[in-house]
Every structure is written in structure tokens, then in C-alpha cells.
Amino acid sequence: MEYVYPAIFHPCEEGGYSVRFPDLPGCYSQGESLLGAIKLAQAALSQWLEYLAYKNENIPGASSIKDVDTENDAEFVTLITCLEERGLRRLARAERVSRH
């Protein structure tokens, strides 16, 4: 299953970006570049959702990107996608099968 959540990117004074997911309290990430921040945000999202599933907790629905407010003009919101772990394993198996 694929998940899509809005993430708030905040430019850091020392460079890079910190990232938070407003629908997932406690789910944060950061990267030294925008691309790095996006990739690490995907990893953080995946791990957070896997943790919730492992704890048998409900996975909250994602807010509409239009409903997410930033704290200042330097921040921006974008959507981050990830596959749950089982989805990643299925994708990896499918790629191995298609290569042979």
C-alpha cells in the first residue's frame, strides 16, 4: 500500500531543511539538501507508519495539502509518499522476477 502525507519543510539557518509531518506527531526528519531532506522524509514516514502498524495503532488519515498551515513564509508544504514495508518487499520481488 502506498501512503501520501503532507510534510512541512523548514529551511535551517545552518543549511538544509528540517521536516515535520503534522498528521503524525513525533515524526520528524532533516537533510543537508532539499533532495536529501525529501529522501530522509520518505524514510522517516515509512518507519513511522511501520512502527504504528507494529504497535497495532491506527494509522491516521492524511490532511489535504490545502489545509496545512506553515508557521512562517520561509516554510513550504509538499507531499511525501512511501510504501509500507510489505509493499516494498513485493516491489523488490517483482523487480527481481522481471530482471530474470
N, C-alpha and C. Protein backbone atom coordinates (compact mmCIF):
# COMPACT_ATOMS: atom_id res chain seq x y z
N MET A 1 0.84 -1.17 0.00
CA MET A 1 0.00 0.00 0.00
C MET A 1 0.89 1.24 0.00
N GLU A 2 0.49 2.23 -0.74
CA GLU A 2 1.23 3.48 -0.79
C GLU A 2 0.53 4.53 0.07
N TYR A 3 1.33 5.30 0.79
CA TYR A 3 0.81 6.37 1.64
C TYR A 3 1.34 7.70 1.14
N VAL A 4 0.51 8.74 1.29
CA VAL A 4 0.90 10.09 0.89
C VAL A 4 0.49 11.04 2.02
N TYR A 5 1.47 11.75 2.56
CA TYR A 5 1.21 12.69 3.66
C TYR A 5 1.85 14.03 3.34
N PRO A 6 1.20 15.12 3.77
CA PRO A 6 1.84 16.43 3.63
C PRO A 6 2.95 16.57 4.67
N ALA A 7 4.03 17.21 4.25
CA ALA A 7 5.16 17.47 5.13
C ALA A 7 5.51 18.95 5.04
N ILE A 8 5.88 19.51 6.18
CA ILE A 8 6.30 20.91 6.24
C ILE A 8 7.82 20.96 6.26
N PHE A 9 8.39 21.65 5.30
CA PHE A 9 9.83 21.81 5.19
C PHE A 9 10.21 23.19 5.71
N HIS A 10 11.17 23.20 6.62
CA HIS A 10 11.64 24.45 7.22
C HIS A 10 13.13 24.60 6.91
N PRO A 11 13.51 25.68 6.19
CA PRO A 11 14.94 25.90 5.92
C PRO A 11 15.68 26.19 7.23
N CYS A 12 16.80 25.51 7.44
CA CYS A 12 17.60 25.69 8.65
C CYS A 12 18.64 26.78 8.43
N GLU A 13 18.95 27.53 9.46
CA GLU A 13 19.94 28.62 9.35
C GLU A 13 21.30 28.09 8.90
N GLU A 14 21.67 26.91 9.39
CA GLU A 14 22.98 26.35 9.07
C GLU A 14 22.97 25.61 7.73
N GLY A 15 21.86 25.61 7.04
CA GLY A 15 21.71 24.93 5.75
C GLY A 15 20.83 23.70 5.90
N GLY A 16 20.32 23.23 4.82
CA GLY A 16 19.45 22.06 4.83
C GLY A 16 18.04 22.41 5.27
N TYR A 17 17.29 21.35 5.55
CA TYR A 17 15.88 21.50 5.89
C TYR A 17 15.51 20.55 7.01
N SER A 18 14.67 21.02 7.91
CA SER A 18 14.02 20.12 8.86
C SER A 18 12.62 19.85 8.32
N VAL A 19 12.11 18.68 8.61
CA VAL A 19 10.82 18.25 8.05
C VAL A 19 9.96 17.70 9.18
N ARG A 20 8.69 18.09 9.17
CA ARG A 20 7.75 17.51 10.13
C ARG A 20 6.45 17.15 9.42
N PHE A 21 5.81 16.14 9.94
CA PHE A 21 4.54 15.67 9.41
C PHE A 21 3.43 16.05 10.39
N PRO A 22 2.61 17.04 10.06
CA PRO A 22 1.60 17.50 11.02
C PRO A 22 0.57 16.44 11.41
N ASP A 23 0.33 15.46 10.56
CA ASP A 23 -0.64 14.40 10.87
C ASP A 23 -0.04 13.29 11.72
N LEU A 24 1.27 13.32 11.89
CA LEU A 24 1.97 12.25 12.61
C LEU A 24 2.85 12.87 13.69
N PRO A 25 2.27 13.26 14.82
CA PRO A 25 3.05 13.90 15.88
C PRO A 25 4.26 13.05 16.27
N GLY A 26 5.41 13.69 16.29
CA GLY A 26 6.64 12.99 16.63
C GLY A 26 7.43 12.51 15.43
N CYS A 27 6.87 12.59 14.24
CA CYS A 27 7.56 12.14 13.03
C CYS A 27 8.28 13.34 12.42
N TYR A 28 9.61 13.34 12.57
CA TYR A 28 10.46 14.42 12.09
C TYR A 28 11.62 13.85 11.29
N SER A 29 12.23 14.72 10.50
CA SER A 29 13.41 14.34 9.75
C SER A 29 14.15 15.61 9.38
N GLN A 30 15.34 15.45 8.83
CA GLN A 30 16.04 16.61 8.27
C GLN A 30 17.10 16.12 7.31
N GLY A 31 17.49 17.01 6.40
CA GLY A 31 18.51 16.68 5.42
C GLY A 31 19.36 17.88 5.11
N GLU A 32 20.56 17.62 4.63
CA GLU A 32 21.51 18.70 4.34
C GLU A 32 21.19 19.43 3.04
N SER A 33 20.36 18.84 2.20
CA SER A 33 19.92 19.48 0.95
C SER A 33 18.43 19.19 0.80
N LEU A 34 17.80 19.83 -0.16
CA LEU A 34 16.38 19.57 -0.38
C LEU A 34 16.15 18.12 -0.79
N LEU A 35 16.97 17.62 -1.71
CA LEU A 35 16.82 16.24 -2.14
C LEU A 35 17.07 15.28 -0.97
N GLY A 36 18.09 15.55 -0.19
CA GLY A 36 18.37 14.72 0.98
C GLY A 36 17.23 14.75 1.97
N ALA A 37 16.65 15.93 2.19
CA ALA A 37 15.53 16.06 3.12
C ALA A 37 14.32 15.29 2.63
N ILE A 38 14.07 15.30 1.34
CA ILE A 38 12.94 14.56 0.78
C ILE A 38 13.15 13.06 0.97
N LYS A 39 14.34 12.57 0.65
CA LYS A 39 14.61 11.14 0.79
C LYS A 39 14.53 10.69 2.24
N LEU A 40 15.09 11.49 3.15
CA LEU A 40 15.03 11.13 4.56
C LEU A 40 13.62 11.26 5.12
N ALA A 41 12.83 12.19 4.58
CA ALA A 41 11.43 12.30 4.99
C ALA A 41 10.65 11.05 4.56
N GLN A 42 10.94 10.54 3.37
CA GLN A 42 10.29 9.30 2.93
C GLN A 42 10.65 8.15 3.86
N ALA A 43 11.90 8.07 4.25
CA ALA A 43 12.33 7.01 5.16
C ALA A 43 11.68 7.17 6.53
N ALA A 44 11.63 8.39 7.03
CA ALA A 44 11.00 8.64 8.34
C ALA A 44 9.52 8.29 8.30
N LEU A 45 8.84 8.67 7.23
CA LEU A 45 7.42 8.36 7.08
C LEU A 45 7.21 6.85 7.06
N SER A 46 7.99 6.15 6.29
CA SER A 46 7.87 4.69 6.20
C SER A 46 8.09 4.04 7.56
N GLN A 47 9.15 4.45 8.25
CA GLN A 47 9.45 3.86 9.55
C GLN A 47 8.38 4.19 10.57
N TRP A 48 7.85 5.41 10.54
CA TRP A 48 6.81 5.81 11.48
C TRP A 48 5.53 4.98 11.27
N LEU A 49 5.14 4.81 10.02
CA LEU A 49 3.93 4.02 9.73
C LEU A 49 4.14 2.56 10.10
N GLU A 50 5.33 2.03 9.85
CA GLU A 50 5.62 0.65 10.24
C GLU A 50 5.57 0.50 11.75
N TYR A 51 6.06 1.50 12.48
CA TYR A 51 6.01 1.48 13.94
C TYR A 51 4.57 1.44 14.43
N LEU A 52 3.72 2.30 13.85
CA LEU A 52 2.31 2.32 14.24
C LEU A 52 1.66 0.97 13.98
N ALA A 53 1.96 0.38 12.82
CA ALA A 53 1.39 -0.93 12.49
C ALA A 53 1.89 -1.99 13.47
N TYR A 54 3.19 -1.95 13.80
CA TYR A 54 3.77 -2.91 14.74
C TYR A 54 3.11 -2.82 16.10
N LYS A 55 2.77 -1.61 16.53
CA LYS A 55 2.12 -1.38 17.82
C LYS A 55 0.60 -1.56 17.74
N ASN A 56 0.10 -1.98 16.57
CA ASN A 56 -1.34 -2.15 16.35
C ASN A 56 -2.12 -0.87 16.62
N GLU A 57 -1.51 0.26 16.29
CA GLU A 57 -2.17 1.55 16.43
C GLU A 57 -2.74 1.95 15.08
N ASN A 58 -3.79 2.75 15.11
CA ASN A 58 -4.39 3.22 13.87
C ASN A 58 -3.45 4.17 13.14
N ILE A 59 -3.41 4.03 11.85
CA ILE A 59 -2.65 4.96 11.02
C ILE A 59 -3.60 6.09 10.65
N PRO A 60 -3.27 7.32 11.09
CA PRO A 60 -4.19 8.43 10.84
C PRO A 60 -4.27 8.78 9.36
N GLY A 61 -5.41 9.31 8.98
CA GLY A 61 -5.57 9.78 7.62
C GLY A 61 -4.74 11.02 7.38
N ALA A 62 -4.42 11.27 6.14
CA ALA A 62 -3.62 12.44 5.79
C ALA A 62 -4.52 13.65 5.55
N SER A 63 -4.04 14.79 5.98
CA SER A 63 -4.74 16.04 5.72
C SER A 63 -4.58 16.42 4.25
N SER A 64 -5.49 17.21 3.77
CA SER A 64 -5.32 17.80 2.45
C SER A 64 -4.18 18.81 2.52
N ILE A 65 -3.36 18.86 1.51
CA ILE A 65 -2.24 19.80 1.49
C ILE A 65 -2.74 21.23 1.64
N LYS A 66 -3.94 21.51 1.18
CA LYS A 66 -4.53 22.86 1.28
C LYS A 66 -4.83 23.25 2.72
N ASP A 67 -5.00 22.26 3.60
CA ASP A 67 -5.38 22.53 4.99
C ASP A 67 -4.19 22.64 5.92
N VAL A 68 -2.99 22.48 5.41
CA VAL A 68 -1.80 22.52 6.25
C VAL A 68 -1.24 23.93 6.28
N ASP A 69 -1.12 24.48 7.49
CA ASP A 69 -0.59 25.83 7.66
C ASP A 69 0.88 25.78 8.06
N THR A 70 1.63 26.73 7.56
CA THR A 70 3.04 26.87 7.96
C THR A 70 3.14 27.96 9.01
N GLU A 71 4.25 27.95 9.74
CA GLU A 71 4.45 28.94 10.80
C GLU A 71 5.00 30.26 10.29
N ASN A 72 5.68 30.21 9.12
CA ASN A 72 6.24 31.44 8.56
C ASN A 72 6.38 31.30 7.04
N ASP A 73 6.75 32.40 6.40
CA ASP A 73 6.83 32.42 4.94
C ASP A 73 7.99 31.61 4.37
N ALA A 74 8.97 31.28 5.19
CA ALA A 74 10.12 30.51 4.70
C ALA A 74 9.77 29.03 4.55
N GLU A 75 8.77 28.56 5.28
CA GLU A 75 8.38 27.15 5.22
C GLU A 75 7.51 26.88 4.00
N PHE A 76 7.53 25.64 3.55
CA PHE A 76 6.64 25.23 2.49
C PHE A 76 6.16 23.80 2.75
N VAL A 77 5.05 23.46 2.11
CA VAL A 77 4.43 22.15 2.29
C VAL A 77 4.48 21.40 0.97
N THR A 78 4.83 20.14 1.03
CA THR A 78 4.78 19.28 -0.14
C THR A 78 4.32 17.89 0.31
N LEU A 79 3.96 17.07 -0.65
CA LEU A 79 3.51 15.71 -0.34
C LEU A 79 4.67 14.74 -0.40
N ILE A 80 4.72 13.84 0.57
CA ILE A 80 5.74 12.80 0.64
C ILE A 80 5.03 11.45 0.54
N THR A 81 5.57 10.58 -0.30
CA THR A 81 4.98 9.25 -0.48
C THR A 81 5.92 8.18 0.06
N CYS A 82 5.34 7.06 0.43
CA CYS A 82 6.14 5.89 0.81
C CYS A 82 5.27 4.65 0.65
N LEU A 83 5.94 3.54 0.53
CA LEU A 83 5.27 2.25 0.53
C LEU A 83 5.46 1.63 1.90
N GLU A 84 4.43 0.94 2.39
CA GLU A 84 4.63 0.21 3.64
C GLU A 84 5.63 -0.91 3.37
N GLU A 85 6.23 -1.45 4.41
CA GLU A 85 7.29 -2.44 4.27
C GLU A 85 6.87 -3.62 3.40
N ARG A 86 5.66 -4.13 3.60
CA ARG A 86 5.22 -5.25 2.78
C ARG A 86 5.14 -4.86 1.31
N GLY A 87 4.73 -3.62 1.05
CA GLY A 87 4.68 -3.13 -0.31
C GLY A 87 6.07 -3.04 -0.91
N LEU A 88 7.05 -2.63 -0.11
CA LEU A 88 8.43 -2.56 -0.59
C LEU A 88 8.97 -3.95 -0.90
N ARG A 89 8.64 -4.92 -0.07
CA ARG A 89 9.12 -6.29 -0.33
C ARG A 89 8.50 -6.84 -1.60
N ARG A 90 7.20 -6.58 -1.81
CA ARG A 90 6.54 -7.04 -3.03
C ARG A 90 7.17 -6.40 -4.26
N LEU A 91 7.45 -5.10 -4.17
CA LEU A 91 8.07 -4.38 -5.28
C LEU A 91 9.45 -4.96 -5.58
N ALA A 92 10.23 -5.23 -4.55
CA ALA A 92 11.56 -5.81 -4.76
C ALA A 92 11.46 -7.18 -5.41
N ARG A 93 10.51 -8.01 -4.97
CA ARG A 93 10.33 -9.32 -5.58
C ARG A 93 9.93 -9.17 -7.04
N ALA A 94 9.05 -8.25 -7.34
CA ALA A 94 8.59 -8.05 -8.72
C ALA A 94 9.75 -7.60 -9.60
N GLU A 95 10.63 -6.73 -9.06
CA GLU A 95 11.77 -6.29 -9.85
C GLU A 95 12.74 -7.44 -10.11
N ARG A 96 12.95 -8.31 -9.11
CA ARG A 96 13.84 -9.45 -9.33
C ARG A 96 13.26 -10.39 -10.36
N VAL A 97 11.97 -10.61 -10.32
CA VAL A 97 11.33 -11.51 -11.27
C VAL A 97 11.42 -10.92 -12.68
N SER A 98 11.21 -9.61 -12.81
CA SER A 98 11.22 -9.02 -14.15
C SER A 98 12.63 -8.96 -14.75
N ARG A 99 13.66 -9.02 -13.91
CA ARG A 99 15.04 -8.98 -14.42
C ARG A 99 15.50 -10.31 -14.96
N HIS A 100 14.90 -11.41 -14.55
CA HIS A 100 15.39 -12.75 -14.96
C HIS A 100 14.65 -13.27 -16.15
